[in-house]
Amino acid sequence: MKEKNINKWEAITEQERKYFEKHCSSINDPILLILRVHLYAEYLLERIISSYLPRGDRVIDSANLTFFQKLNIVDSFDVISNSAISSLKNLNKVRNRFVHELERELTFADISQIGRPFGKEFNKLRQKYGDDLNICLISILNYLCGFLTAQMASIELGSVESQ
């Protein structure tokens, strides 16, 4: 990546980091955090679609797509790693369980489902934070969103370069 694009990439990722912190970092309720991160991930998926397709805005604005459909569109572009796609699919499953089972409590199995696709990185986070559900959840969601943000920024810059 050229130095000019590295600076743009850093600016985009820093802006998104601040946005994520503002809207997600201060949430103490793990279920609300999952819901908010799910919304944030959907926002990033929409940005990827808008950047990757010549008129992606039309798809976003008029197709009334679900999170899962947007994720499958992004997956079809083959621009996001399989581990991130799997993690996002699992985040969607966990989120759906909380939406449809109001009495449900967060378990380590839920966190593992989201984090497991990242393999060694998830294991490092698990070793670092042990069985503290909230800290482990926050760390894997931060990792997932940071990873997705970096990919989104690279895709946006790629679309800018080709224009």
C-alpha atoms as a PDB file:
ATOM      1  CA  MET A   1       0.000   0.000   0.000  1.00  0.00           C
ATOM      2  CA  LYS A   2       1.402   3.406  -0.927  1.00  0.00           C
ATOM      3  CA  GLU A   3       2.276   5.831   1.883  1.00  0.00           C
ATOM      4  CA  LYS A   4      -0.610   8.133   0.928  1.00  0.00           C
ATOM      5  CA  ASN A   5      -3.036   5.211   1.189  1.00  0.00           C
ATOM      6  CA  ILE A   6      -1.489   4.043   4.452  1.00  0.00           C
ATOM      7  CA  ASN A   7      -2.246   7.469   5.906  1.00  0.00           C
ATOM      8  CA  LYS A   8      -5.825   7.311   4.581  1.00  0.00           C
ATOM      9  CA  TRP A   9      -6.194   3.759   5.917  1.00  0.00           C
ATOM     10  CA  GLU A  10      -4.963   4.855   9.344  1.00  0.00           C
ATOM     11  CA  ALA A  11      -7.351   7.812   9.323  1.00  0.00           C
ATOM     12  CA  ILE A  12     -10.332   5.611   8.420  1.00  0.00           C
ATOM     13  CA  THR A  13      -9.509   2.964  11.009  1.00  0.00           C
ATOM     14  CA  GLU A  14      -8.892   5.582  13.708  1.00  0.00           C
ATOM     15  CA  GLN A  15     -12.205   7.271  12.932  1.00  0.00           C
ATOM     16  CA  GLU A  16     -13.990   3.909  13.139  1.00  0.00           C
ATOM     17  CA  ARG A  17     -12.180   3.006  16.366  1.00  0.00           C
ATOM     18  CA  LYS A  18     -13.479   6.214  17.924  1.00  0.00           C
ATOM     19  CA  TYR A  19     -16.975   5.517  16.583  1.00  0.00           C
ATOM     20  CA  PHE A  20     -16.863   1.995  18.022  1.00  0.00           C
ATOM     21  CA  GLU A  21     -15.641   3.261  21.388  1.00  0.00           C
ATOM     22  CA  LYS A  22     -18.346   5.916  21.526  1.00  0.00           C
ATOM     23  CA  HIS A  23     -21.178   3.510  20.746  1.00  0.00           C
ATOM     24  CA  CYS A  24     -20.000   0.175  22.127  1.00  0.00           C
ATOM     25  CA  SER A  25     -17.166   0.406  24.651  1.00  0.00           C
ATOM     26  CA  SER A  26     -19.107   1.838  27.566  1.00  0.00           C
ATOM     27  CA  ILE A  27     -21.847  -0.816  27.500  1.00  0.00           C
ATOM     28  CA  ASN A  28     -21.768  -3.014  30.597  1.00  0.00           C
ATOM     29  CA  ASP A  29     -24.708  -5.282  29.775  1.00  0.00           C
ATOM     30  CA  PRO A  30     -23.325  -8.171  27.669  1.00  0.00           C
ATOM     31  CA  ILE A  31     -26.587  -8.737  25.801  1.00  0.00           C
ATOM     32  CA  LEU A  32     -26.898  -5.069  24.901  1.00  0.00           C
ATOM     33  CA  LEU A  33     -23.240  -5.125  23.833  1.00  0.00           C
ATOM     34  CA  ILE A  34     -23.905  -8.061  21.494  1.00  0.00           C
ATOM     35  CA  LEU A  35     -26.889  -6.228  20.006  1.00  0.00           C
ATOM     36  CA  ARG A  36     -24.919  -3.005  19.550  1.00  0.00           C
ATOM     37  CA  VAL A  37     -21.889  -4.749  18.023  1.00  0.00           C
ATOM     38  CA  HIS A  38     -24.229  -6.626  15.695  1.00  0.00           C
ATOM     39  CA  LEU A  39     -25.586  -3.262  14.493  1.00  0.00           C
ATOM     40  CA  TYR A  40     -22.066  -1.896  14.129  1.00  0.00           C
ATOM     41  CA  ALA A  41     -20.971  -4.949  12.127  1.00  0.00           C
ATOM     42  CA  GLU A  42     -23.994  -4.501   9.865  1.00  0.00           C
ATOM     43  CA  TYR A  43     -22.978  -0.882   9.306  1.00  0.00           C
ATOM     44  CA  LEU A  44     -19.484  -2.064   8.259  1.00  0.00           C
ATOM     45  CA  LEU A  45     -20.966  -4.707   5.942  1.00  0.00           C
ATOM     46  CA  GLU A  46     -23.068  -1.998   4.289  1.00  0.00           C
ATOM     47  CA  ARG A  47     -19.965   0.134   3.761  1.00  0.00           C
ATOM     48  CA  ILE A  48     -18.205  -2.824   2.150  1.00  0.00           C
ATOM     49  CA  ILE A  49     -21.154  -3.470  -0.166  1.00  0.00           C
ATOM     50  CA  SER A  50     -21.366   0.223  -1.050  1.00  0.00           C
ATOM     51  CA  SER A  51     -17.642   0.314  -1.812  1.00  0.00           C
ATOM     52  CA  TYR A  52     -17.421  -2.954  -3.680  1.00  0.00           C
ATOM     53  CA  LEU A  53     -20.450  -2.633  -5.963  1.00  0.00           C
ATOM     54  CA  PRO A  54     -20.672   0.262  -8.434  1.00  0.00           C
ATOM     55  CA  ARG A  55     -24.148   1.131  -7.106  1.00  0.00           C
ATOM     56  CA  GLY A  56     -24.064  -0.708  -3.803  1.00  0.00           C
ATOM     57  CA  ASP A  57     -26.089   2.112  -2.285  1.00  0.00           C
ATOM     58  CA  ARG A  58     -29.081   0.888  -4.324  1.00  0.00           C
ATOM     59  CA  VAL A  59     -28.781  -2.572  -2.832  1.00  0.00           C
ATOM     60  CA  ILE A  60     -28.513  -1.159   0.683  1.00  0.00           C
ATOM     61  CA  ASP A  61     -31.310   1.396   0.307  1.00  0.00           C
ATOM     62  CA  SER A  62     -33.959  -0.592  -1.526  1.00  0.00           C
ATOM     63  CA  ALA A  63     -33.417  -4.326  -1.104  1.00  0.00           C
ATOM     64  CA  ASN A  64     -34.385  -4.474   2.598  1.00  0.00           C
ATOM     65  CA  LEU A  65     -31.711  -7.103   3.206  1.00  0.00           C
ATOM     66  CA  THR A  66     -31.190  -8.858   6.526  1.00  0.00           C
ATOM     67  CA  PHE A  67     -27.840  -8.970   8.295  1.00  0.00           C
ATOM     68  CA  PHE A  68     -27.375 -12.547   7.114  1.00  0.00           C
ATOM     69  CA  GLN A  69     -28.085 -11.606   3.494  1.00  0.00           C
ATOM     70  CA  LYS A  70     -25.635  -8.691   3.647  1.00  0.00           C
ATOM     71  CA  LEU A  71     -23.044 -11.001   5.162  1.00  0.00           C
ATOM     72  CA  ASN A  72     -23.549 -13.527   2.368  1.00  0.00           C
ATOM     73  CA  ILE A  73     -23.157 -10.798  -0.258  1.00  0.00           C
ATOM     74  CA  VAL A  74     -19.889  -9.675   1.343  1.00  0.00           C
ATOM     75  CA  ASP A  75     -18.783 -13.303   1.615  1.00  0.00           C
ATOM     76  CA  SER A  76     -19.405 -13.726  -2.127  1.00  0.00           C
ATOM     77  CA  PHE A  77     -16.943 -10.876  -2.818  1.00  0.00           C
ATOM     78  CA  ASP A  78     -14.239 -13.022  -1.172  1.00  0.00           C
ATOM     79  CA  VAL A  79     -12.617  -9.940   0.375  1.00  0.00           C
ATOM     80  CA  ILE A  80     -13.052 -10.833   4.053  1.00  0.00           C
ATOM     81  CA  SER A  81     -11.296 -13.787   5.676  1.00  0.00           C
ATOM     82  CA  ASN A  82     -13.259 -16.961   6.300  1.00  0.00           C
ATOM     83  CA  SER A  83     -12.570 -16.628  10.024  1.00  0.00           C
ATOM     84  CA  ALA A  84     -14.208 -13.185  10.157  1.00  0.00           C
ATOM     85  CA  ILE A  85     -17.175 -14.372   8.074  1.00  0.00           C
ATOM     86  CA  SER A  86     -17.648 -17.382  10.371  1.00  0.00           C
ATOM     87  CA  SER A  87     -17.347 -15.212  13.454  1.00  0.00           C
ATOM     88  CA  LEU A  88     -19.956 -12.790  12.080  1.00  0.00           C
ATOM     89  CA  LYS A  89     -22.313 -15.663  11.219  1.00  0.00           C
ATOM     90  CA  ASN A  90     -21.912 -16.937  14.768  1.00  0.00           C
ATOM     91  CA  LEU A  91     -22.435 -13.453  16.204  1.00  0.00           C
ATOM     92  CA  ASN A  92     -25.702 -13.360  14.271  1.00  0.00           C
ATOM     93  CA  LYS A  93     -26.750 -16.744  15.703  1.00  0.00           C
ATOM     94  CA  VAL A  94     -25.928 -15.689  19.257  1.00  0.00           C
ATOM     95  CA  ARG A  95     -27.730 -12.378  18.786  1.00  0.00           C
ATOM     96  CA  ASN A  96     -30.805 -14.180  17.425  1.00  0.00           C
ATOM     97  CA  ARG A  97     -30.877 -16.465  20.471  1.00  0.00           C
ATOM     98  CA  PHE A  98     -30.940 -13.449  22.782  1.00  0.00           C
ATOM     99  CA  VAL A  99     -33.666 -11.780  20.758  1.00  0.00           C
ATOM    100  CA  HIS A 100     -35.899 -14.854  20.766  1.00  0.00           C
ATOM    101  CA  GLU A 101     -35.136 -16.156  24.272  1.00  0.00           C
ATOM    102  CA  LEU A 102     -35.643 -13.194  26.587  1.00  0.00           C
ATOM    103  CA  GLU A 103     -34.604 -15.110  29.731  1.00  0.00           C
ATOM    104  CA  ARG A 104     -31.369 -16.343  28.195  1.00  0.00           C
ATOM    105  CA  GLU A 105     -28.098 -15.555  29.997  1.00  0.00           C
ATOM    106  CA  LEU A 106     -24.706 -15.185  28.348  1.00  0.00           C
ATOM    107  CA  THR A 107     -22.550 -18.303  28.551  1.00  0.00           C
ATOM    108  CA  PHE A 108     -18.961 -18.986  27.693  1.00  0.00           C
ATOM    109  CA  ALA A 109     -20.288 -21.238  24.910  1.00  0.00           C
ATOM    110  CA  ASP A 110     -21.820 -18.122  23.300  1.00  0.00           C
ATOM    111  CA  ILE A 111     -18.504 -16.271  23.477  1.00  0.00           C
ATOM    112  CA  SER A 112     -16.619 -19.309  22.179  1.00  0.00           C
ATOM    113  CA  GLN A 113     -18.986 -19.581  19.251  1.00  0.00           C
ATOM    114  CA  ILE A 114     -18.144 -16.018  18.213  1.00  0.00           C
ATOM    115  CA  GLY A 115     -14.416 -16.258  18.928  1.00  0.00           C
ATOM    116  CA  ARG A 116     -13.533 -19.803  17.922  1.00  0.00           C
ATOM    117  CA  PRO A 117     -13.178 -19.018  14.180  1.00  0.00           C
ATOM    118  CA  PHE A 118     -10.179 -16.819  15.048  1.00  0.00           C
ATOM    119  CA  GLY A 119      -8.341 -19.863  16.418  1.00  0.00           C
ATOM    120  CA  LYS A 120      -5.037 -18.916  18.054  1.00  0.00           C
ATOM    121  CA  GLU A 121      -6.065 -15.281  18.567  1.00  0.00           C
ATOM    122  CA  PHE A 122      -9.149 -16.391  20.476  1.00  0.00           C
ATOM    123  CA  ASN A 123      -7.094 -18.833  22.525  1.00  0.00           C
ATOM    124  CA  LYS A 124      -4.688 -16.018  23.447  1.00  0.00           C
ATOM    125  CA  LEU A 125      -7.594 -13.836  24.568  1.00  0.00           C
ATOM    126  CA  ARG A 126      -9.073 -16.724  26.548  1.00  0.00           C
ATOM    127  CA  GLN A 127      -5.745 -17.363  28.287  1.00  0.00           C
ATOM    128  CA  LYS A 128      -5.327 -13.675  29.027  1.00  0.00           C
ATOM    129  CA  TYR A 129      -8.815 -13.117  30.471  1.00  0.00           C
ATOM    130  CA  GLY A 130      -9.671 -16.586  31.749  1.00  0.00           C
ATOM    131  CA  ASP A 131     -13.284 -17.205  32.628  1.00  0.00           C
ATOM    132  CA  ASP A 132     -14.329 -13.570  33.068  1.00  0.00           C
ATOM    133  CA  LEU A 133     -17.295 -13.630  30.676  1.00  0.00           C
ATOM    134  CA  ASN A 134     -17.650  -9.880  30.268  1.00  0.00           C
ATOM    135  CA  ILE A 135     -13.964  -9.147  29.662  1.00  0.00           C
ATOM    136  CA  CYS A 136     -13.643 -12.114  27.318  1.00  0.00           C
ATOM    137  CA  LEU A 137     -16.753 -11.007  25.389  1.00  0.00           C
ATOM    138  CA  ILE A 138     -15.541  -7.426  25.096  1.00  0.00           C
ATOM    139  CA  SER A 139     -12.087  -8.539  23.951  1.00  0.00           C
ATOM    140  CA  ILE A 140     -13.369 -10.870  21.212  1.00  0.00           C
ATOM    141  CA  LEU A 141     -15.922  -8.323  19.982  1.00  0.00           C
ATOM    142  CA  ASN A 142     -13.207  -5.643  19.913  1.00  0.00           C
ATOM    143  CA  TYR A 143     -10.972  -8.002  17.961  1.00  0.00           C
ATOM    144  CA  LEU A 144     -13.739  -8.892  15.495  1.00  0.00           C
ATOM    145  CA  CYS A 145     -14.731  -5.268  14.889  1.00  0.00           C
ATOM    146  CA  GLY A 146     -11.125  -4.123  14.602  1.00  0.00           C
ATOM    147  CA  PHE A 147     -10.441  -6.858  12.080  1.00  0.00           C
ATOM    148  CA  LEU A 148     -13.574  -6.019  10.082  1.00  0.00           C
ATOM    149  CA  THR A 149     -12.815  -2.295  10.214  1.00  0.00           C
ATOM    150  CA  ALA A 150      -9.318  -2.857   8.829  1.00  0.00           C
ATOM    151  CA  GLN A 151     -10.737  -4.933   5.980  1.00  0.00           C
ATOM    152  CA  MET A 152     -13.450  -2.366   5.255  1.00  0.00           C
ATOM    153  CA  ALA A 153     -10.879   0.455   5.132  1.00  0.00           C
ATOM    154  CA  SER A 154      -8.717  -1.523   2.703  1.00  0.00           C
ATOM    155  CA  ILE A 155     -11.736  -2.204   0.485  1.00  0.00           C
ATOM    156  CA  GLU A 156     -12.786   1.451   0.504  1.00  0.00           C
ATOM    157  CA  LEU A 157      -9.282   2.531  -0.458  1.00  0.00           C
ATOM    158  CA  GLY A 158      -9.189  -0.095  -3.185  1.00  0.00           C
ATOM    159  CA  SER A 159     -12.395   1.275  -4.645  1.00  0.00           C
ATOM    160  CA  VAL A 160     -11.000   4.809  -4.457  1.00  0.00           C
ATOM    161  CA  GLU A 161      -7.785   3.726  -6.208  1.00  0.00           C
ATOM    162  CA  SER A 162      -9.648   2.184  -9.131  1.00  0.00           C
ATOM    163  CA  GLN A 163     -11.784   5.257  -9.811  1.00  0.00           C
END
